[in-house]
Amino acid sequence: MKKVLYFLLFFLMTASFIGMDVKEARAYNYAGYRWGGYWPYVVVDTSPVSVIAWRNTIGGAMADWNAAGARFTLVNGSSNNKAYVTYQYSDAFAWSQAYRKYGFWGDVYKATITINNYHNFYPPSRSGWYYDLRSVLRHEFGHWLVLNHSYSPSVAMYNSIGVGQIKYLSSDEVNAIISIYGRR
């Protein structure tokens, strides 16, 4: 009797694997949750950032994601979604945190980005070795919009960036955001 049950279990598992759709590899990974609502309107408070060029760069990175054509909007204004600056001896250029309604589940209701001033960013300076702040912020806003790191080094959601390198949003990342939030 045990042999028959094991055979049936093996048969059912094999049949389910054969019947599965095989998906192509993507350059993005979806975290499995999102900002709530039909058309999330996320207000970002940049007032804690004292460098005007950095505030403008934050706005530019938000505009890049808004141009993706998905049903969400990132705008500058007063809110609990904040951008901060810190000075920390660390390899991390910036980091973000998305807060969900019920801790480990539920829609995102708040997010923060912290820029590490330990690194030399453009703007404000192009002298010497610098990292493109707008590329770093595109990456962090991708986390806000619930994308995880990519395995493709050429895209914005890859987990590192080189000196002087600029990373734009790839068509795969744009398609990911549209698949999560819907098309405008």
Protein backbone atom coordinates (compact mmCIF):
# COMPACT_ATOMS: atom_id res chain seq x y z
CA MET A 1 0.00 0.00 0.00
CA LYS A 2 2.85 2.44 0.83
CA LYS A 3 4.40 1.82 -2.59
CA VAL A 4 1.15 2.74 -4.31
CA LEU A 5 0.84 5.97 -2.31
CA TYR A 6 4.46 6.91 -3.05
CA PHE A 7 3.91 6.16 -6.74
CA LEU A 8 0.77 8.31 -6.82
CA LEU A 9 2.54 11.13 -5.01
CA PHE A 10 5.49 10.92 -7.41
CA PHE A 11 3.12 10.81 -10.39
CA LEU A 12 1.17 13.87 -9.23
CA MET A 13 4.33 15.87 -8.53
CA THR A 14 5.81 14.96 -11.92
CA ALA A 15 2.58 15.82 -13.71
CA SER A 16 2.40 19.20 -11.95
CA PHE A 17 5.98 20.07 -12.98
CA ILE A 18 5.33 19.09 -16.58
CA GLY A 19 2.16 21.18 -16.66
CA MET A 20 3.85 24.32 -15.28
CA ASP A 21 4.45 27.28 -17.55
CA VAL A 22 8.14 27.98 -17.92
CA LYS A 23 8.75 31.72 -17.63
CA GLU A 24 11.70 33.49 -19.15
CA ALA A 25 14.31 34.96 -16.84
CA ARG A 26 13.74 38.62 -16.05
CA ALA A 27 16.05 41.40 -15.01
CA TYR A 28 13.80 42.28 -12.08
CA ASN A 29 12.40 40.57 -9.02
CA TYR A 30 9.08 41.63 -7.56
CA ALA A 31 8.93 41.77 -3.76
CA GLY A 32 5.32 40.51 -3.68
CA TYR A 33 3.59 43.58 -2.24
CA ARG A 34 2.93 47.12 -3.45
CA TRP A 35 1.56 50.57 -2.64
CA GLY A 36 -2.20 50.29 -2.21
CA GLY A 37 -4.95 51.78 -4.32
CA TYR A 38 -5.90 51.93 -7.97
CA TRP A 39 -3.44 54.76 -8.71
CA PRO A 40 -1.01 55.26 -5.79
CA TYR A 41 0.00 58.89 -5.33
CA VAL A 42 3.23 58.88 -3.30
CA VAL A 43 4.40 62.23 -1.90
CA VAL A 44 8.13 62.48 -1.13
CA ASP A 45 9.41 65.00 1.42
CA THR A 46 12.88 66.16 0.38
CA SER A 47 13.12 68.96 2.96
CA PRO A 48 15.64 67.01 5.13
CA VAL A 49 18.07 67.18 2.15
CA SER A 50 19.91 70.49 2.39
CA VAL A 51 21.81 70.36 -0.93
CA ILE A 52 19.50 71.90 -3.56
CA ALA A 53 21.21 70.01 -6.41
CA TRP A 54 20.43 66.75 -4.60
CA ARG A 55 16.79 67.75 -4.13
CA ASN A 56 16.58 68.43 -7.86
CA THR A 57 18.23 65.07 -8.56
CA ILE A 58 15.68 63.31 -6.36
CA GLY A 59 12.94 65.00 -8.42
CA GLY A 60 14.63 63.84 -11.62
CA ALA A 61 14.77 60.22 -10.43
CA MET A 62 11.08 60.41 -9.47
CA ALA A 63 10.28 61.81 -12.95
CA ASP A 64 12.15 58.88 -14.54
CA TRP A 65 9.89 56.38 -12.74
CA ASN A 66 6.77 58.48 -13.47
CA ALA A 67 7.67 58.34 -17.17
CA ALA A 68 7.52 54.52 -17.06
CA GLY A 69 3.80 54.70 -17.89
CA ALA A 70 2.50 52.78 -14.87
CA ARG A 71 -0.44 53.81 -12.69
CA PHE A 72 1.40 55.52 -9.84
CA THR A 73 2.79 59.00 -9.29
CA LEU A 74 5.78 60.14 -7.24
CA VAL A 75 5.63 63.84 -6.34
CA ASN A 76 7.60 66.23 -4.18
CA GLY A 77 5.87 67.65 -1.11
CA SER A 78 5.36 67.35 2.62
CA SER A 79 4.72 63.80 3.87
CA ASN A 80 6.02 60.99 6.03
CA ASN A 81 7.85 59.52 2.98
CA LYS A 82 11.21 61.18 3.45
CA ALA A 83 14.64 61.44 1.89
CA TYR A 84 17.51 61.79 4.36
CA VAL A 85 21.27 62.29 4.21
CA THR A 86 23.76 60.69 6.57
CA TYR A 87 27.54 60.33 6.73
CA GLN A 88 28.52 56.75 7.42
CA TYR A 89 31.73 54.84 6.72
CA SER A 90 30.10 52.20 4.55
CA ASP A 91 30.10 50.78 1.03
CA ALA A 92 26.38 51.53 0.73
CA PHE A 93 25.65 54.61 -1.38
CA ALA A 94 22.05 54.79 -0.21
CA TRP A 95 19.37 52.58 1.23
CA SER A 96 15.62 52.58 1.37
CA GLN A 97 12.99 51.18 3.67
CA ALA A 98 9.39 50.43 2.76
CA TYR A 99 6.96 50.09 5.67
CA ARG A 100 3.96 47.81 5.32
CA LYS A 101 0.61 48.15 7.10
CA TYR A 102 0.91 45.00 9.17
CA GLY A 103 4.66 44.65 9.59
CA PHE A 104 5.40 41.71 7.31
CA TRP A 105 2.30 41.88 5.12
CA GLY A 106 -0.11 44.39 3.66
CA ASP A 107 0.33 47.33 1.32
CA VAL A 108 3.19 49.80 1.61
CA TYR A 109 2.09 52.95 3.43
CA LYS A 110 5.40 54.75 4.02
CA ALA A 111 8.98 54.69 2.72
CA THR A 112 12.30 56.41 3.34
CA ILE A 113 15.54 56.85 1.41
CA THR A 114 18.84 57.61 3.10
CA ILE A 115 21.73 58.93 1.00
CA ASN A 116 25.22 58.21 2.34
CA ASN A 117 27.24 61.43 2.07
CA TYR A 118 30.44 59.44 2.71
CA HIS A 119 30.64 58.90 -1.08
CA ASN A 120 31.43 61.50 -3.74
CA PHE A 121 28.30 62.03 -5.84
CA TYR A 122 27.57 63.96 -8.98
CA PRO A 123 25.95 66.38 -8.49
CA PRO A 124 27.35 68.57 -6.99
CA SER A 125 30.88 67.75 -8.16
CA ARG A 126 32.37 66.08 -11.23
CA SER A 127 35.90 66.39 -9.98
CA GLY A 128 37.78 63.18 -9.32
CA TRP A 129 35.97 59.95 -8.65
CA TYR A 130 32.21 60.33 -8.39
CA TYR A 131 29.08 58.22 -8.45
CA ASP A 132 25.97 59.28 -10.34
CA LEU A 133 23.41 60.17 -7.67
CA ARG A 134 20.46 60.03 -10.07
CA SER A 135 21.33 56.41 -10.94
CA VAL A 136 21.57 55.55 -7.25
CA LEU A 137 18.20 57.21 -6.61
CA ARG A 138 16.56 55.44 -9.56
CA HIS A 139 17.64 52.21 -7.87
CA GLU A 140 16.28 53.24 -4.46
CA PHE A 141 12.94 54.41 -5.87
CA GLY A 142 12.75 51.02 -7.58
CA HIS A 143 12.84 49.52 -4.08
CA TRP A 144 10.12 51.96 -3.01
CA LEU A 145 8.02 50.65 -5.88
CA VAL A 146 8.77 47.13 -4.55
CA LEU A 147 11.36 45.80 -6.97
CA ASN A 148 14.17 43.70 -5.53
CA HIS A 149 17.72 43.51 -6.86
CA SER A 150 18.37 42.34 -10.39
CA TYR A 151 20.87 39.75 -11.59
CA SER A 152 21.64 41.78 -14.71
CA PRO A 153 24.52 44.24 -14.11
CA SER A 154 23.39 46.66 -16.83
CA VAL A 155 20.07 47.65 -15.25
CA ALA A 156 19.16 50.17 -12.56
CA MET A 157 18.10 47.53 -10.03
CA TYR A 158 21.47 45.78 -10.02
CA ASN A 159 23.00 45.96 -6.53
CA SER A 160 26.11 47.97 -7.42
CA ILE A 161 27.30 50.80 -9.64
CA GLY A 162 30.76 51.80 -10.80
CA VAL A 163 32.51 55.14 -10.63
CA GLY A 164 31.13 57.46 -13.32
CA GLN A 165 28.61 54.84 -14.48
CA ILE A 166 25.07 55.93 -15.33
CA LYS A 167 22.22 53.43 -15.16
CA TYR A 168 18.87 54.12 -16.74
CA LEU A 169 15.64 52.19 -16.32
CA SER A 170 15.60 49.16 -18.60
CA SER A 171 12.55 48.09 -20.60
CA ASP A 172 12.33 45.06 -18.30
CA GLU A 173 12.09 47.27 -15.20
CA VAL A 174 9.49 49.47 -16.89
CA ASN A 175 7.48 46.36 -17.84
CA ALA A 176 7.79 45.12 -14.27
CA ILE A 177 6.31 48.29 -12.83
CA ILE A 178 3.50 48.24 -15.38
CA SER A 179 2.76 44.61 -14.52
CA ILE A 180 2.60 45.49 -10.80
CA TYR A 181 0.65 48.77 -10.97
CA GLY A 182 -1.07 48.60 -14.35
CA ARG A 183 -0.69 50.79 -17.43
CA ARG A 184 -1.80 54.43 -17.41
